[in-house]
Amino acid sequence: MALRPLSASERADALNKAAAARAARAAAKERLKNGETTAADLLSSATADDALARMRVAELLEALPGVGKVRAAAIMKQLGIATSRRVRGLGIHQRQALVDFIDEK
C-alpha cells in the first residue's frame, strides 16, 4: 500500500511529534531508573499517554537498575510476554504479573 506524499509542513509536524514521543519515553525511563516513579505508576500513566503506551516492555524493563537485555528477555519469557510486546498490548494479567514481579525484586 503506497502512502500519499506528505507536504513539507506535514512532514515537519510528523518529525516534531515523533521527537516529542521519543523524549517523553526517555524521560519516563530516566524517572524509572532514578527511582522517582514505579513501574506500576508508569503502566497506569501509559493508559492516558500515547507515547508511553507505544514503549516496548523490554525497554521498560531495561530501564530498571540491574536489568539488561538478557535479564529483560528472561523476565519476559518467565511471565509469558512476547519480546515484541508494547505496553499498550499487555493484558490485565500480564500487566499485574509484571508489576508483581518488579515489586518482588
N, C-alpha and C. Protein backbone atom coordinates (compact mmCIF):
# COMPACT_ATOMS: atom_id res chain seq x y z
N MET A 1 0.84 -1.16 0.00
CA MET A 1 0.00 0.00 0.00
C MET A 1 0.90 1.23 0.00
N ALA A 2 0.74 2.07 -0.95
CA ALA A 2 1.54 3.27 -1.06
C ALA A 2 0.92 4.39 -0.23
N LEU A 3 1.78 5.09 0.46
CA LEU A 3 1.32 6.23 1.25
C LEU A 3 1.36 7.48 0.39
N ARG A 4 0.46 8.38 0.68
CA ARG A 4 0.46 9.62 -0.09
C ARG A 4 1.65 10.46 0.33
N PRO A 5 2.22 11.19 -0.60
CA PRO A 5 3.36 12.03 -0.23
C PRO A 5 2.93 13.15 0.71
N LEU A 6 3.78 13.43 1.67
CA LEU A 6 3.49 14.47 2.65
C LEU A 6 4.05 15.80 2.17
N SER A 7 3.35 16.85 2.52
CA SER A 7 3.87 18.19 2.23
C SER A 7 5.00 18.48 3.22
N ALA A 8 5.73 19.51 2.97
CA ALA A 8 6.85 19.86 3.85
C ALA A 8 6.38 20.17 5.27
N SER A 9 5.25 20.85 5.40
CA SER A 9 4.76 21.18 6.74
C SER A 9 4.23 19.93 7.45
N GLU A 10 3.58 19.03 6.73
CA GLU A 10 3.10 17.79 7.33
C GLU A 10 4.27 16.93 7.79
N ARG A 11 5.31 16.88 6.97
CA ARG A 11 6.50 16.11 7.33
C ARG A 11 7.16 16.70 8.57
N ALA A 12 7.28 18.01 8.63
CA ALA A 12 7.88 18.66 9.79
C ALA A 12 7.05 18.41 11.05
N ASP A 13 5.73 18.46 10.92
CA ASP A 13 4.85 18.19 12.07
C ASP A 13 5.03 16.75 12.55
N ALA A 14 5.12 15.81 11.62
CA ALA A 14 5.30 14.40 11.97
C ALA A 14 6.65 14.19 12.66
N LEU A 15 7.69 14.83 12.15
CA LEU A 15 9.01 14.71 12.77
C LEU A 15 9.02 15.29 14.19
N ASN A 16 8.35 16.42 14.37
CA ASN A 16 8.27 17.03 15.71
C ASN A 16 7.49 16.15 16.67
N LYS A 17 6.40 15.56 16.18
CA LYS A 17 5.58 14.68 17.01
C LYS A 17 6.39 13.44 17.43
N ALA A 18 7.15 12.88 16.49
CA ALA A 18 7.97 11.70 16.80
C ALA A 18 9.07 12.05 17.79
N ALA A 19 9.68 13.20 17.63
CA ALA A 19 10.74 13.61 18.56
C ALA A 19 10.17 13.83 19.96
N ALA A 20 8.98 14.39 20.05
CA ALA A 20 8.34 14.61 21.35
C ALA A 20 8.02 13.28 22.02
N ALA A 21 7.57 12.30 21.24
CA ALA A 21 7.25 10.98 21.79
C ALA A 21 8.51 10.29 22.30
N ARG A 22 9.60 10.38 21.53
CA ARG A 22 10.86 9.79 21.98
C ARG A 22 11.35 10.45 23.26
N ALA A 23 11.22 11.76 23.35
CA ALA A 23 11.64 12.49 24.54
C ALA A 23 10.80 12.09 25.76
N ALA A 24 9.50 11.90 25.56
CA ALA A 24 8.62 11.50 26.66
C ALA A 24 8.99 10.11 27.17
N ARG A 25 9.26 9.19 26.24
CA ARG A 25 9.66 7.83 26.63
C ARG A 25 11.00 7.85 27.36
N ALA A 26 11.94 8.63 26.86
CA ALA A 26 13.26 8.72 27.50
C ALA A 26 13.14 9.32 28.91
N ALA A 27 12.32 10.32 29.07
CA ALA A 27 12.13 10.93 30.39
C ALA A 27 11.49 9.93 31.36
N ALA A 28 10.53 9.17 30.88
CA ALA A 28 9.87 8.18 31.73
C ALA A 28 10.86 7.09 32.15
N LYS A 29 11.69 6.64 31.23
CA LYS A 29 12.69 5.62 31.56
C LYS A 29 13.71 6.17 32.54
N GLU A 30 14.08 7.43 32.40
CA GLU A 30 15.04 8.04 33.32
C GLU A 30 14.44 8.15 34.73
N ARG A 31 13.15 8.54 34.82
CA ARG A 31 12.49 8.60 36.13
C ARG A 31 12.42 7.22 36.78
N LEU A 32 12.17 6.19 35.96
CA LEU A 32 12.11 4.83 36.47
C LEU A 32 13.49 4.38 36.95
N LYS A 33 14.50 4.71 36.19
CA LYS A 33 15.87 4.34 36.52
C LYS A 33 16.32 5.00 37.82
N ASN A 34 15.94 6.27 38.02
CA ASN A 34 16.34 7.01 39.22
C ASN A 34 15.47 6.71 40.43
N GLY A 35 14.41 5.94 40.25
CA GLY A 35 13.54 5.60 41.36
C GLY A 35 12.51 6.67 41.67
N GLU A 36 12.35 7.64 40.78
CA GLU A 36 11.38 8.71 41.00
C GLU A 36 9.95 8.25 40.76
N THR A 37 9.79 7.15 40.03
CA THR A 37 8.47 6.59 39.76
C THR A 37 8.58 5.08 39.80
N THR A 38 7.44 4.43 39.92
CA THR A 38 7.42 2.96 39.95
C THR A 38 6.90 2.44 38.62
N ALA A 39 7.12 1.16 38.40
CA ALA A 39 6.63 0.54 37.17
C ALA A 39 5.11 0.58 37.12
N ALA A 40 4.47 0.42 38.27
CA ALA A 40 3.00 0.46 38.30
C ALA A 40 2.50 1.84 37.90
N ASP A 41 3.16 2.88 38.38
CA ASP A 41 2.77 4.24 38.01
C ASP A 41 2.97 4.48 36.53
N LEU A 42 4.08 3.97 35.99
CA LEU A 42 4.37 4.15 34.58
C LEU A 42 3.34 3.41 33.72
N LEU A 43 2.99 2.20 34.13
CA LEU A 43 1.99 1.44 33.38
C LEU A 43 0.62 2.10 33.44
N SER A 44 0.26 2.66 34.58
CA SER A 44 -1.04 3.31 34.69
C SER A 44 -1.07 4.62 33.90
N SER A 45 0.04 5.34 33.88
CA SER A 45 0.06 6.58 33.11
C SER A 45 0.10 6.31 31.61
N ALA A 46 0.50 5.11 31.23
CA ALA A 46 0.54 4.76 29.80
C ALA A 46 -0.86 4.63 29.21
N THR A 47 -1.86 4.47 30.04
CA THR A 47 -3.23 4.39 29.51
C THR A 47 -3.68 5.72 28.95
N ALA A 48 -3.14 6.81 29.50
CA ALA A 48 -3.52 8.14 29.04
C ALA A 48 -2.51 8.75 28.07
N ASP A 49 -1.26 8.30 28.14
CA ASP A 49 -0.18 8.87 27.32
C ASP A 49 0.15 7.92 26.18
N ASP A 50 -0.11 8.35 24.96
CA ASP A 50 0.11 7.50 23.78
C ASP A 50 1.58 7.18 23.58
N ALA A 51 2.45 8.11 23.91
CA ALA A 51 3.89 7.88 23.72
C ALA A 51 4.37 6.76 24.64
N LEU A 52 3.92 6.75 25.89
CA LEU A 52 4.31 5.70 26.82
C LEU A 52 3.66 4.37 26.45
N ALA A 53 2.47 4.42 25.92
CA ALA A 53 1.79 3.19 25.53
C ALA A 53 2.52 2.47 24.40
N ARG A 54 3.27 3.22 23.61
CA ARG A 54 4.00 2.62 22.49
C ARG A 54 5.39 2.14 22.86
N MET A 55 5.77 2.29 24.13
CA MET A 55 7.08 1.82 24.58
C MET A 55 7.07 0.29 24.64
N ARG A 56 8.16 -0.31 24.20
CA ARG A 56 8.27 -1.76 24.31
C ARG A 56 8.49 -2.15 25.78
N VAL A 57 7.92 -3.29 26.15
CA VAL A 57 8.04 -3.77 27.53
C VAL A 57 9.51 -4.04 27.86
N ALA A 58 10.26 -4.53 26.88
CA ALA A 58 11.69 -4.79 27.11
C ALA A 58 12.42 -3.50 27.45
N GLU A 59 12.08 -2.39 26.81
CA GLU A 59 12.71 -1.11 27.12
C GLU A 59 12.37 -0.68 28.55
N LEU A 60 11.14 -0.91 28.95
CA LEU A 60 10.72 -0.57 30.31
C LEU A 60 11.54 -1.36 31.32
N LEU A 61 11.70 -2.66 31.07
CA LEU A 61 12.47 -3.50 31.99
C LEU A 61 13.94 -3.11 32.01
N GLU A 62 14.49 -2.79 30.84
CA GLU A 62 15.89 -2.42 30.76
C GLU A 62 16.18 -1.10 31.46
N ALA A 63 15.17 -0.30 31.67
CA ALA A 63 15.34 0.97 32.39
C ALA A 63 15.49 0.75 33.89
N LEU A 64 15.11 -0.43 34.37
CA LEU A 64 15.25 -0.72 35.79
C LEU A 64 16.72 -0.96 36.13
N PRO A 65 17.15 -0.53 37.29
CA PRO A 65 18.55 -0.75 37.69
C PRO A 65 18.86 -2.24 37.79
N GLY A 66 19.96 -2.65 37.19
CA GLY A 66 20.39 -4.04 37.26
C GLY A 66 19.76 -4.95 36.23
N VAL A 67 18.99 -4.41 35.32
CA VAL A 67 18.34 -5.23 34.30
C VAL A 67 18.86 -4.80 32.94
N GLY A 68 19.43 -5.77 32.22
CA GLY A 68 19.92 -5.53 30.87
C GLY A 68 19.07 -6.29 29.87
N LYS A 69 19.58 -6.42 28.67
CA LYS A 69 18.83 -7.08 27.60
C LYS A 69 18.55 -8.55 27.93
N VAL A 70 19.55 -9.25 28.43
CA VAL A 70 19.40 -10.68 28.71
C VAL A 70 18.42 -10.91 29.85
N ARG A 71 18.57 -10.17 30.93
CA ARG A 71 17.68 -10.34 32.08
C ARG A 71 16.25 -9.92 31.72
N ALA A 72 16.10 -8.86 30.91
CA ALA A 72 14.77 -8.43 30.49
C ALA A 72 14.10 -9.52 29.67
N ALA A 73 14.85 -10.14 28.76
CA ALA A 73 14.29 -11.22 27.94
C ALA A 73 13.89 -12.40 28.81
N ALA A 74 14.70 -12.73 29.82
CA ALA A 74 14.38 -13.84 30.72
C ALA A 74 13.13 -13.54 31.53
N ILE A 75 13.00 -12.32 32.00
CA ILE A 75 11.82 -11.93 32.78
C ILE A 75 10.57 -12.04 31.92
N MET A 76 10.67 -11.53 30.69
CA MET A 76 9.50 -11.57 29.80
C MET A 76 9.13 -13.01 29.46
N LYS A 77 10.12 -13.87 29.26
CA LYS A 77 9.83 -15.28 28.97
C LYS A 77 9.17 -15.94 30.18
N GLN A 78 9.67 -15.64 31.37
CA GLN A 78 9.10 -16.22 32.60
C GLN A 78 7.65 -15.78 32.79
N LEU A 79 7.35 -14.53 32.43
CA LEU A 79 5.99 -14.01 32.61
C LEU A 79 5.08 -14.30 31.43
N GLY A 80 5.62 -14.87 30.36
CA GLY A 80 4.80 -15.20 29.20
C GLY A 80 4.45 -13.98 28.36
N ILE A 81 5.37 -13.03 28.29
CA ILE A 81 5.16 -11.82 27.50
C ILE A 81 6.05 -11.90 26.27
N ALA A 82 5.49 -11.70 25.10
CA ALA A 82 6.26 -11.76 23.86
C ALA A 82 7.30 -10.65 23.83
N THR A 83 8.42 -10.92 23.19
CA THR A 83 9.52 -9.95 23.17
C THR A 83 9.16 -8.70 22.38
N SER A 84 8.22 -8.80 21.48
CA SER A 84 7.84 -7.64 20.67
C SER A 84 6.69 -6.84 21.27
N ARG A 85 6.22 -7.23 22.44
CA ARG A 85 5.04 -6.61 23.06
C ARG A 85 5.32 -5.18 23.49
N ARG A 86 4.35 -4.34 23.28
CA ARG A 86 4.43 -2.95 23.75
C ARG A 86 3.53 -2.82 24.99
N VAL A 87 3.72 -1.76 25.73
CA VAL A 87 2.98 -1.57 26.99
C VAL A 87 1.48 -1.58 26.72
N ARG A 88 1.05 -0.94 25.63
CA ARG A 88 -0.37 -0.90 25.30
C ARG A 88 -0.95 -2.30 25.09
N GLY A 89 -0.14 -3.23 24.59
CA GLY A 89 -0.61 -4.56 24.26
C GLY A 89 -0.65 -5.54 25.42
N LEU A 90 -0.25 -5.11 26.59
CA LEU A 90 -0.28 -6.00 27.75
C LEU A 90 -1.71 -6.24 28.21
N GLY A 91 -2.01 -7.48 28.52
CA GLY A 91 -3.31 -7.80 29.08
C GLY A 91 -3.33 -7.48 30.57
N ILE A 92 -4.48 -7.59 31.16
CA ILE A 92 -4.64 -7.28 32.58
C ILE A 92 -3.74 -8.18 33.44
N HIS A 93 -3.75 -9.47 33.13
CA HIS A 93 -2.97 -10.41 33.93
C HIS A 93 -1.48 -10.24 33.70
N GLN A 94 -1.08 -9.97 32.45
CA GLN A 94 0.33 -9.73 32.17
C GLN A 94 0.81 -8.47 32.88
N ARG A 95 0.01 -7.44 32.84
CA ARG A 95 0.36 -6.17 33.49
C ARG A 95 0.53 -6.39 35.00
N GLN A 96 -0.40 -7.11 35.61
CA GLN A 96 -0.33 -7.37 37.04
C GLN A 96 0.86 -8.25 37.38
N ALA A 97 1.13 -9.27 36.56
CA ALA A 97 2.28 -10.14 36.80
C ALA A 97 3.59 -9.36 36.69
N LEU A 98 3.66 -8.44 35.75
CA LEU A 98 4.86 -7.62 35.58
C LEU A 98 5.06 -6.72 36.80
N VAL A 99 4.02 -6.07 37.25
CA VAL A 99 4.13 -5.20 38.43
C VAL A 99 4.51 -6.00 39.66
N ASP A 100 3.88 -7.16 39.85
CA ASP A 100 4.20 -8.01 41.00
C ASP A 100 5.65 -8.47 40.97
N PHE A 101 6.12 -8.86 39.78
CA PHE A 101 7.50 -9.32 39.65
C PHE A 101 8.48 -8.21 39.98
N ILE A 102 8.22 -7.02 39.47
CA ILE A 102 9.12 -5.89 39.73
C ILE A 102 9.09 -5.51 41.20
N ASP A 103 7.91 -5.54 41.81
CA ASP A 103 7.79 -5.19 43.23
C ASP A 103 8.52 -6.19 44.13
N GLU A 104 8.53 -7.47 43.72
CA GLU A 104 9.23 -8.50 44.49
C GLU A 104 10.74 -8.27 44.48
N LYS A 105 11.23 -7.81 43.35
CA LYS A 105 12.67 -7.63 43.20
C LYS A 105 13.03 -6.27 43.71
